[in-house]
């Protein structure tokens, strides 16, 4: 098998390289952008941990903590950065999956913003809002890990 192989699909001619052993799913690229990619993945996971961890920690008395909004914004920003790195790293991407994840992430961000505003004003945060933030973030994690 050659290192570069041409394949024809519905979208035209694509260049494919054999997968080498790297810590991200690039098609053979190793270098400084690989480090940037791995840092973005790390921060993306930290954002998810902030949202879901606080949600699970406050399961007995559900509310939306301001740090959950920070985690949602971290997830959105690093997710957009990761999508921008896809062409730079010559990665194969499932754009339908990424679009669905972006839409869910946007919904988590909006719900977390509403909950944060209520929390800071001292108003009661509904359990549906709190579970919406945590549950949708958990759904996004499931999509990221289970959909190949």
N, C-alpha and C. Protein backbone atom coordinates (compact mmCIF):
# COMPACT_ATOMS: atom_id res chain seq x y z
N UNK A 1 0.84 -1.17 0.00
CA UNK A 1 0.00 0.00 0.00
C UNK A 1 0.89 1.24 0.00
N UNK A 2 0.55 2.23 -0.79
CA UNK A 2 1.33 3.45 -0.84
C UNK A 2 0.93 4.40 0.27
N UNK A 3 1.78 5.37 0.54
CA UNK A 3 1.50 6.33 1.62
C UNK A 3 0.34 7.23 1.25
N UNK A 4 0.20 7.59 0.00
CA UNK A 4 -0.92 8.43 -0.43
C UNK A 4 -1.73 7.63 -1.43
N UNK A 5 -3.02 7.60 -1.25
CA UNK A 5 -3.89 6.79 -2.08
C UNK A 5 -5.08 7.65 -2.50
N UNK A 6 -5.42 7.66 -3.78
CA UNK A 6 -6.55 8.45 -4.27
C UNK A 6 -7.80 7.59 -4.24
N UNK A 7 -8.87 8.17 -3.74
CA UNK A 7 -10.15 7.49 -3.74
C UNK A 7 -11.19 8.42 -4.32
N UNK A 8 -12.18 7.88 -4.97
CA UNK A 8 -13.25 8.69 -5.55
C UNK A 8 -14.52 8.38 -4.79
N UNK A 9 -15.18 9.42 -4.29
CA UNK A 9 -16.45 9.28 -3.58
C UNK A 9 -17.47 10.21 -4.20
N UNK A 10 -18.58 10.42 -3.50
CA UNK A 10 -19.60 11.32 -4.03
C UNK A 10 -19.11 12.77 -4.08
N UNK A 11 -18.17 13.14 -3.26
CA UNK A 11 -17.72 14.53 -3.24
C UNK A 11 -16.51 14.76 -4.12
N UNK A 12 -16.04 13.76 -4.83
CA UNK A 12 -14.92 13.97 -5.73
C UNK A 12 -13.67 13.26 -5.26
N UNK A 13 -12.54 13.74 -5.72
CA UNK A 13 -11.26 13.12 -5.42
C UNK A 13 -10.75 13.59 -4.07
N UNK A 14 -10.35 12.67 -3.23
CA UNK A 14 -9.82 12.99 -1.90
C UNK A 14 -8.44 12.37 -1.78
N UNK A 15 -7.56 13.05 -1.07
CA UNK A 15 -6.26 12.46 -0.75
C UNK A 15 -6.36 11.79 0.60
N UNK A 16 -5.91 10.57 0.68
CA UNK A 16 -5.91 9.85 1.95
C UNK A 16 -4.49 9.39 2.24
N UNK A 17 -4.09 9.56 3.46
CA UNK A 17 -2.79 9.08 3.90
C UNK A 17 -3.02 7.98 4.92
N UNK A 18 -2.07 7.08 5.02
CA UNK A 18 -2.17 6.04 6.03
C UNK A 18 -2.11 6.67 7.40
N UNK A 19 -2.85 6.11 8.32
CA UNK A 19 -2.84 6.60 9.69
C UNK A 19 -1.53 6.22 10.36
N UNK A 20 -0.89 7.19 10.96
CA UNK A 20 0.31 6.90 11.74
C UNK A 20 -0.04 6.99 13.20
N UNK A 21 0.88 6.66 14.06
CA UNK A 21 0.60 6.67 15.48
C UNK A 21 0.77 8.09 16.02
N UNK A 22 -0.33 8.78 16.17
CA UNK A 22 -0.35 10.10 16.80
C UNK A 22 -1.43 10.09 17.86
N UNK A 23 -1.44 11.10 18.70
CA UNK A 23 -2.42 11.11 19.77
C UNK A 23 -3.76 11.69 19.33
N UNK A 24 -3.84 12.21 18.12
CA UNK A 24 -5.13 12.64 17.60
C UNK A 24 -5.41 11.91 16.31
N UNK A 25 -6.63 12.00 15.81
CA UNK A 25 -7.02 11.24 14.64
C UNK A 25 -6.69 11.98 13.36
N UNK A 26 -5.46 12.31 13.16
CA UNK A 26 -5.04 12.95 11.93
C UNK A 26 -4.59 11.88 10.95
N UNK A 27 -4.49 12.25 9.72
CA UNK A 27 -4.05 11.31 8.70
C UNK A 27 -2.56 11.46 8.44
N UNK A 28 -1.77 11.20 9.44
CA UNK A 28 -0.33 11.17 9.26
C UNK A 28 0.39 12.44 9.62
N UNK A 29 -0.30 13.49 10.03
CA UNK A 29 0.37 14.75 10.33
C UNK A 29 0.89 14.75 11.76
N UNK A 30 2.13 15.10 11.93
CA UNK A 30 2.69 15.32 13.26
C UNK A 30 3.43 16.64 13.22
N UNK A 31 3.28 17.42 14.24
CA UNK A 31 3.95 18.71 14.28
C UNK A 31 3.29 19.63 15.30
N UNK A 32 3.60 20.92 15.22
CA UNK A 32 3.07 21.88 16.21
C UNK A 32 1.55 21.96 16.22
N UNK A 33 0.91 21.81 15.06
CA UNK A 33 -0.54 21.88 15.03
C UNK A 33 -1.17 20.70 15.76
N UNK A 34 -0.47 19.59 15.82
CA UNK A 34 -0.92 18.42 16.56
C UNK A 34 -0.98 18.76 18.06
N UNK A 35 -0.01 19.51 18.54
CA UNK A 35 0.01 19.93 19.94
C UNK A 35 -1.17 20.86 20.22
N UNK A 36 -1.42 21.80 19.32
CA UNK A 36 -2.56 22.72 19.47
C UNK A 36 -3.86 21.93 19.50
N UNK A 37 -3.98 20.97 18.60
CA UNK A 37 -5.18 20.13 18.54
C UNK A 37 -5.39 19.40 19.88
N UNK A 38 -4.34 18.81 20.41
CA UNK A 38 -4.45 18.06 21.67
C UNK A 38 -4.79 18.96 22.84
N UNK A 39 -4.28 20.18 22.86
CA UNK A 39 -4.63 21.14 23.91
C UNK A 39 -6.11 21.51 23.80
N UNK A 40 -6.60 21.71 22.57
CA UNK A 40 -8.01 22.04 22.38
C UNK A 40 -8.91 20.89 22.83
N UNK A 41 -8.51 19.65 22.53
CA UNK A 41 -9.29 18.49 22.98
C UNK A 41 -9.33 18.43 24.50
N UNK A 42 -8.18 18.67 25.14
CA UNK A 42 -8.11 18.68 26.60
C UNK A 42 -9.06 19.72 27.18
N UNK A 43 -9.02 20.94 26.66
CA UNK A 43 -9.91 22.00 27.16
C UNK A 43 -11.37 21.69 26.87
N UNK A 44 -11.64 21.05 25.75
CA UNK A 44 -13.01 20.66 25.40
C UNK A 44 -13.55 19.67 26.43
N UNK A 45 -12.72 18.72 26.83
CA UNK A 45 -13.12 17.74 27.84
C UNK A 45 -13.30 18.41 29.21
N UNK A 46 -12.44 19.37 29.53
CA UNK A 46 -12.58 20.11 30.80
C UNK A 46 -13.93 20.84 30.82
N UNK A 47 -14.32 21.45 29.71
CA UNK A 47 -15.61 22.13 29.63
C UNK A 47 -16.77 21.18 29.88
N UNK A 48 -16.70 19.99 29.29
CA UNK A 48 -17.76 18.99 29.50
C UNK A 48 -17.79 18.55 30.96
N UNK A 49 -16.61 18.38 31.55
CA UNK A 49 -16.54 17.97 32.96
C UNK A 49 -17.14 19.04 33.87
N UNK A 50 -16.93 20.31 33.53
CA UNK A 50 -17.50 21.38 34.34
C UNK A 50 -19.02 21.33 34.33
N UNK A 51 -19.60 21.11 33.16
CA UNK A 51 -21.06 21.10 33.06
C UNK A 51 -21.65 19.87 33.74
N UNK A 52 -21.20 18.70 33.35
CA UNK A 52 -21.78 17.46 33.84
C UNK A 52 -21.41 17.21 35.30
N UNK A 53 -20.19 17.55 35.68
CA UNK A 53 -19.77 17.34 37.07
C UNK A 53 -20.58 18.15 38.06
N UNK A 54 -20.81 19.42 37.73
CA UNK A 54 -21.63 20.26 38.62
C UNK A 54 -23.08 19.78 38.62
N UNK A 55 -23.57 19.36 37.47
CA UNK A 55 -24.95 18.85 37.38
C UNK A 55 -25.13 17.62 38.27
N UNK A 56 -24.20 16.68 38.19
CA UNK A 56 -24.29 15.48 39.02
C UNK A 56 -24.09 15.83 40.49
N UNK A 57 -23.19 16.75 40.78
CA UNK A 57 -22.94 17.16 42.17
C UNK A 57 -24.13 17.83 42.83
N UNK A 58 -24.98 18.45 42.04
CA UNK A 58 -26.14 19.16 42.58
C UNK A 58 -27.44 18.44 42.23
N UNK A 59 -27.39 17.14 42.07
CA UNK A 59 -28.55 16.38 41.65
C UNK A 59 -29.69 16.42 42.68
N UNK A 60 -29.36 16.49 43.97
CA UNK A 60 -30.41 16.51 44.99
C UNK A 60 -31.19 17.82 44.97
N UNK A 61 -30.50 18.93 44.72
CA UNK A 61 -31.16 20.23 44.62
C UNK A 61 -30.70 20.87 43.31
N UNK A 62 -31.35 20.50 42.20
CA UNK A 62 -30.88 20.93 40.89
C UNK A 62 -30.92 22.44 40.70
N UNK A 63 -29.85 22.98 40.19
CA UNK A 63 -29.76 24.38 39.82
C UNK A 63 -28.71 24.51 38.74
N UNK A 64 -28.61 25.69 38.16
CA UNK A 64 -27.58 25.95 37.16
C UNK A 64 -26.57 26.89 37.80
N UNK A 65 -25.36 26.40 37.97
CA UNK A 65 -24.29 27.19 38.57
C UNK A 65 -23.61 28.03 37.48
N UNK A 66 -23.14 29.24 37.81
CA UNK A 66 -22.45 30.05 36.79
C UNK A 66 -21.26 29.35 36.14
N UNK A 67 -20.60 28.44 36.84
CA UNK A 67 -19.47 27.71 36.23
C UNK A 67 -19.93 26.78 35.12
N UNK A 68 -21.19 26.36 35.15
CA UNK A 68 -21.71 25.55 34.06
C UNK A 68 -21.79 26.37 32.77
N UNK A 69 -22.14 27.64 32.89
CA UNK A 69 -22.12 28.52 31.73
C UNK A 69 -20.70 28.67 31.21
N UNK A 70 -19.74 28.82 32.12
CA UNK A 70 -18.33 28.92 31.71
C UNK A 70 -17.90 27.66 30.98
N UNK A 71 -18.31 26.50 31.47
CA UNK A 71 -17.99 25.24 30.81
C UNK A 71 -18.63 25.14 29.43
N UNK A 72 -19.88 25.64 29.31
CA UNK A 72 -20.56 25.61 28.02
C UNK A 72 -19.85 26.51 27.01
N UNK A 73 -19.41 27.68 27.46
CA UNK A 73 -18.69 28.58 26.55
C UNK A 73 -17.33 28.00 26.17
N UNK A 74 -16.67 27.35 27.13
CA UNK A 74 -15.39 26.70 26.84
C UNK A 74 -15.60 25.59 25.80
N UNK A 75 -16.66 24.83 25.96
CA UNK A 75 -16.97 23.76 24.99
C UNK A 75 -17.24 24.34 23.61
N UNK A 76 -18.04 25.40 23.54
CA UNK A 76 -18.36 25.99 22.24
C UNK A 76 -17.11 26.55 21.56
N UNK A 77 -16.31 27.30 22.30
CA UNK A 77 -15.12 27.92 21.70
C UNK A 77 -14.10 26.87 21.26
N UNK A 78 -13.85 25.88 22.11
CA UNK A 78 -12.87 24.86 21.71
C UNK A 78 -13.43 23.96 20.62
N UNK A 79 -14.74 23.74 20.61
CA UNK A 79 -15.35 22.95 19.54
C UNK A 79 -15.21 23.65 18.19
N UNK A 80 -15.43 24.96 18.17
CA UNK A 80 -15.26 25.72 16.94
C UNK A 80 -13.79 25.71 16.51
N UNK A 81 -12.89 25.85 17.48
CA UNK A 81 -11.45 25.79 17.15
C UNK A 81 -11.07 24.43 16.59
N UNK A 82 -11.61 23.36 17.17
CA UNK A 82 -11.32 22.02 16.68
C UNK A 82 -11.86 21.83 15.26
N UNK A 83 -13.04 22.38 14.98
CA UNK A 83 -13.58 22.29 13.62
C UNK A 83 -12.70 23.06 12.64
N UNK A 84 -12.10 24.15 13.10
CA UNK A 84 -11.20 24.92 12.25
C UNK A 84 -9.88 24.21 11.99
N UNK A 85 -9.48 23.35 12.91
CA UNK A 85 -8.23 22.62 12.75
C UNK A 85 -8.36 21.40 11.84
N UNK A 86 -9.57 20.99 11.56
CA UNK A 86 -9.79 19.80 10.72
C UNK A 86 -9.08 19.92 9.37
N UNK A 87 -9.30 21.01 8.61
CA UNK A 87 -8.61 21.10 7.32
C UNK A 87 -7.10 21.27 7.48
N UNK A 88 -6.66 21.96 8.52
CA UNK A 88 -5.23 22.20 8.72
C UNK A 88 -4.49 20.91 9.00
N UNK A 89 -5.16 19.94 9.60
CA UNK A 89 -4.53 18.68 9.94
C UNK A 89 -4.86 17.57 8.94
N UNK A 90 -5.56 17.92 7.87
CA UNK A 90 -5.92 16.94 6.83
C UNK A 90 -6.66 15.76 7.45
N UNK A 91 -7.69 16.07 8.27
CA UNK A 91 -8.45 15.03 8.96
C UNK A 91 -9.72 14.71 8.20
N UNK A 92 -10.19 13.50 8.34
CA UNK A 92 -11.50 13.13 7.83
C UNK A 92 -12.51 13.51 8.91
N UNK A 93 -13.59 14.17 8.51
CA UNK A 93 -14.56 14.62 9.50
C UNK A 93 -15.97 14.23 9.09
N UNK A 94 -16.80 13.96 10.08
CA UNK A 94 -18.21 13.70 9.88
C UNK A 94 -18.93 15.01 10.20
N UNK A 95 -19.20 15.81 9.18
CA UNK A 95 -19.77 17.13 9.40
C UNK A 95 -21.21 17.09 9.89
N UNK A 96 -21.95 16.04 9.60
CA UNK A 96 -23.30 15.91 10.14
C UNK A 96 -23.23 15.77 11.66
N UNK A 97 -22.34 14.92 12.13
CA UNK A 97 -22.15 14.73 13.57
C UNK A 97 -21.71 16.04 14.21
N UNK A 98 -20.75 16.72 13.61
CA UNK A 98 -20.26 17.98 14.18
C UNK A 98 -21.34 19.05 14.20
N UNK A 99 -22.19 19.08 13.17
CA UNK A 99 -23.29 20.05 13.14
C UNK A 99 -24.30 19.80 14.24
N UNK A 100 -24.63 18.53 14.46
CA UNK A 100 -25.58 18.18 15.54
C UNK A 100 -24.97 18.51 16.89
N UNK A 101 -23.69 18.19 17.07
CA UNK A 101 -23.02 18.52 18.33
C UNK A 101 -22.99 20.03 18.56
N UNK A 102 -22.76 20.80 17.50
CA UNK A 102 -22.74 22.26 17.62
C UNK A 102 -24.12 22.79 18.02
N UNK A 103 -25.18 22.27 17.40
CA UNK A 103 -26.54 22.71 17.73
C UNK A 103 -26.88 22.39 19.19
N UNK A 104 -26.53 21.19 19.64
CA UNK A 104 -26.79 20.83 21.04
C UNK A 104 -25.95 21.69 21.97
N UNK A 105 -24.69 21.93 21.61
CA UNK A 105 -23.83 22.79 22.43
C UNK A 105 -24.35 24.20 22.53
N UNK A 106 -24.90 24.70 21.43
CA UNK A 106 -25.50 26.04 21.45
C UNK A 106 -26.72 26.06 22.38
N UNK A 107 -27.53 25.01 22.33
CA UNK A 107 -28.69 24.93 23.24
C UNK A 107 -28.24 24.86 24.69
N UNK A 108 -27.19 24.12 24.99
CA UNK A 108 -26.65 24.04 26.35
C UNK A 108 -26.17 25.43 26.79
N UNK A 109 -25.49 26.14 25.89
CA UNK A 109 -25.00 27.48 26.21
C UNK A 109 -26.13 28.45 26.52
N UNK A 110 -27.20 28.41 25.72
CA UNK A 110 -28.34 29.30 25.95
C UNK A 110 -29.03 28.96 27.27
N UNK A 111 -29.27 27.67 27.51
CA UNK A 111 -29.92 27.27 28.76
C UNK A 111 -29.05 27.61 29.98
N UNK A 112 -27.74 27.42 29.84
CA UNK A 112 -26.84 27.74 30.95
C UNK A 112 -26.81 29.25 31.19
N UNK A 113 -26.90 30.05 30.12
CA UNK A 113 -26.94 31.50 30.28
C UNK A 113 -28.20 31.93 31.02
N UNK A 114 -29.33 31.37 30.64
CA UNK A 114 -30.60 31.69 31.32
C UNK A 114 -30.52 31.28 32.79
N UNK A 115 -30.01 30.06 33.05
CA UNK A 115 -29.89 29.59 34.42
C UNK A 115 -28.92 30.43 35.24
N UNK A 116 -27.80 30.83 34.63
CA UNK A 116 -26.82 31.67 35.34
C UNK A 116 -27.43 33.00 35.72
N UNK A 117 -28.20 33.58 34.79
CA UNK A 117 -28.83 34.88 35.07
C UNK A 117 -29.82 34.76 36.22
N UNK A 118 -30.62 33.69 36.23
CA UNK A 118 -31.57 33.48 37.33
C UNK A 118 -30.82 33.24 38.65
N UNK A 119 -29.75 32.47 38.60
CA UNK A 119 -28.96 32.15 39.79
C UNK A 119 -28.38 33.43 40.40
N UNK A 120 -27.85 34.30 39.56
CA UNK A 120 -27.23 35.53 40.05
C UNK A 120 -28.26 36.52 40.60
N UNK A 121 -29.49 36.48 40.06
CA UNK A 121 -30.54 37.36 40.56
C UNK A 121 -31.18 36.81 41.83
N UNK A 122 -30.86 35.58 42.18
CA UNK A 122 -31.44 34.96 43.36
C UNK A 122 -32.79 34.34 43.10
N UNK A 123 -33.18 34.23 41.84
CA UNK A 123 -34.45 33.61 41.48
C UNK A 123 -34.30 32.09 41.48
N UNK A 124 -35.42 31.43 41.60
CA UNK A 124 -35.41 29.96 41.58
C UNK A 124 -35.14 29.47 40.16
N UNK A 125 -34.25 28.51 40.05
CA UNK A 125 -33.95 27.89 38.75
C UNK A 125 -34.74 26.60 38.69
N UNK A 126 -35.56 26.45 37.68
CA UNK A 126 -36.39 25.27 37.53
C UNK A 126 -35.57 24.00 37.35
N UNK A 127 -36.11 22.90 37.84
CA UNK A 127 -35.40 21.63 37.70
C UNK A 127 -35.27 21.22 36.23
N UNK A 128 -36.27 21.58 35.43
CA UNK A 128 -36.21 21.27 34.00
C UNK A 128 -35.05 21.98 33.32
N UNK A 129 -34.83 23.23 33.71
CA UNK A 129 -33.71 24.00 33.14
C UNK A 129 -32.38 23.39 33.57
N UNK A 130 -32.27 23.05 34.85
CA UNK A 130 -31.03 22.46 35.36
C UNK A 130 -30.75 21.11 34.70
N UNK A 131 -31.77 20.28 34.59
CA UNK A 131 -31.59 18.97 33.97
C UNK A 131 -31.41 19.09 32.46
N UNK A 132 -31.96 20.14 31.87
CA UNK A 132 -31.76 20.38 30.45
C UNK A 132 -30.30 20.67 30.14
N UNK A 133 -29.67 21.50 30.97
CA UNK A 133 -28.25 21.83 30.78
C UNK A 133 -27.40 20.57 30.92
N UNK A 134 -27.56 19.86 32.02
CA UNK A 134 -26.74 18.68 32.27
C UNK A 134 -27.04 17.53 31.33
N UNK A 135 -28.32 17.30 31.07
CA UNK A 135 -28.71 16.18 30.21
C UNK A 135 -28.27 16.38 28.76
N UNK A 136 -28.43 17.60 28.25
CA UNK A 136 -27.99 17.86 26.87
C UNK A 136 -26.47 17.78 26.75
N UNK A 137 -25.76 18.24 27.78
CA UNK A 137 -24.30 18.12 27.76
C UNK A 137 -23.89 16.65 27.77
N UNK A 138 -24.59 15.84 28.56
CA UNK A 138 -24.32 14.41 28.59
C UNK A 138 -24.64 13.76 27.25
N UNK A 139 -25.72 14.20 26.61
CA UNK A 139 -26.08 13.71 25.28
C UNK A 139 -24.97 14.05 24.27
N UNK A 140 -24.42 15.25 24.38
CA UNK A 140 -23.33 15.65 23.49
C UNK A 140 -22.09 14.77 23.69
N UNK A 141 -21.81 14.43 24.93
CA UNK A 141 -20.69 13.53 25.21
C UNK A 141 -20.95 12.15 24.59
N UNK A 142 -22.19 11.68 24.72
CA UNK A 142 -22.55 10.38 24.16
C UNK A 142 -22.40 10.39 22.63
N UNK A 143 -22.85 11.44 21.99
CA UNK A 143 -22.71 11.55 20.54
C UNK A 143 -21.24 11.55 20.15
N UNK A 144 -20.43 12.29 20.91
CA UNK A 144 -19.00 12.38 20.58
C UNK A 144 -18.31 11.02 20.69
N UNK A 145 -18.71 10.24 21.66
CA UNK A 145 -17.99 8.99 21.89
C UNK A 145 -18.59 7.78 21.18
N UNK A 146 -19.90 7.76 20.98
CA UNK A 146 -20.56 6.56 20.43
C UNK A 146 -20.78 6.62 18.93
N UNK A 147 -20.90 7.81 18.36
CA UNK A 147 -21.15 7.95 16.92
C UNK A 147 -19.82 7.98 16.20
N UNK A 148 -19.53 6.99 15.39
CA UNK A 148 -18.26 6.92 14.65
C UNK A 148 -18.45 7.34 13.24
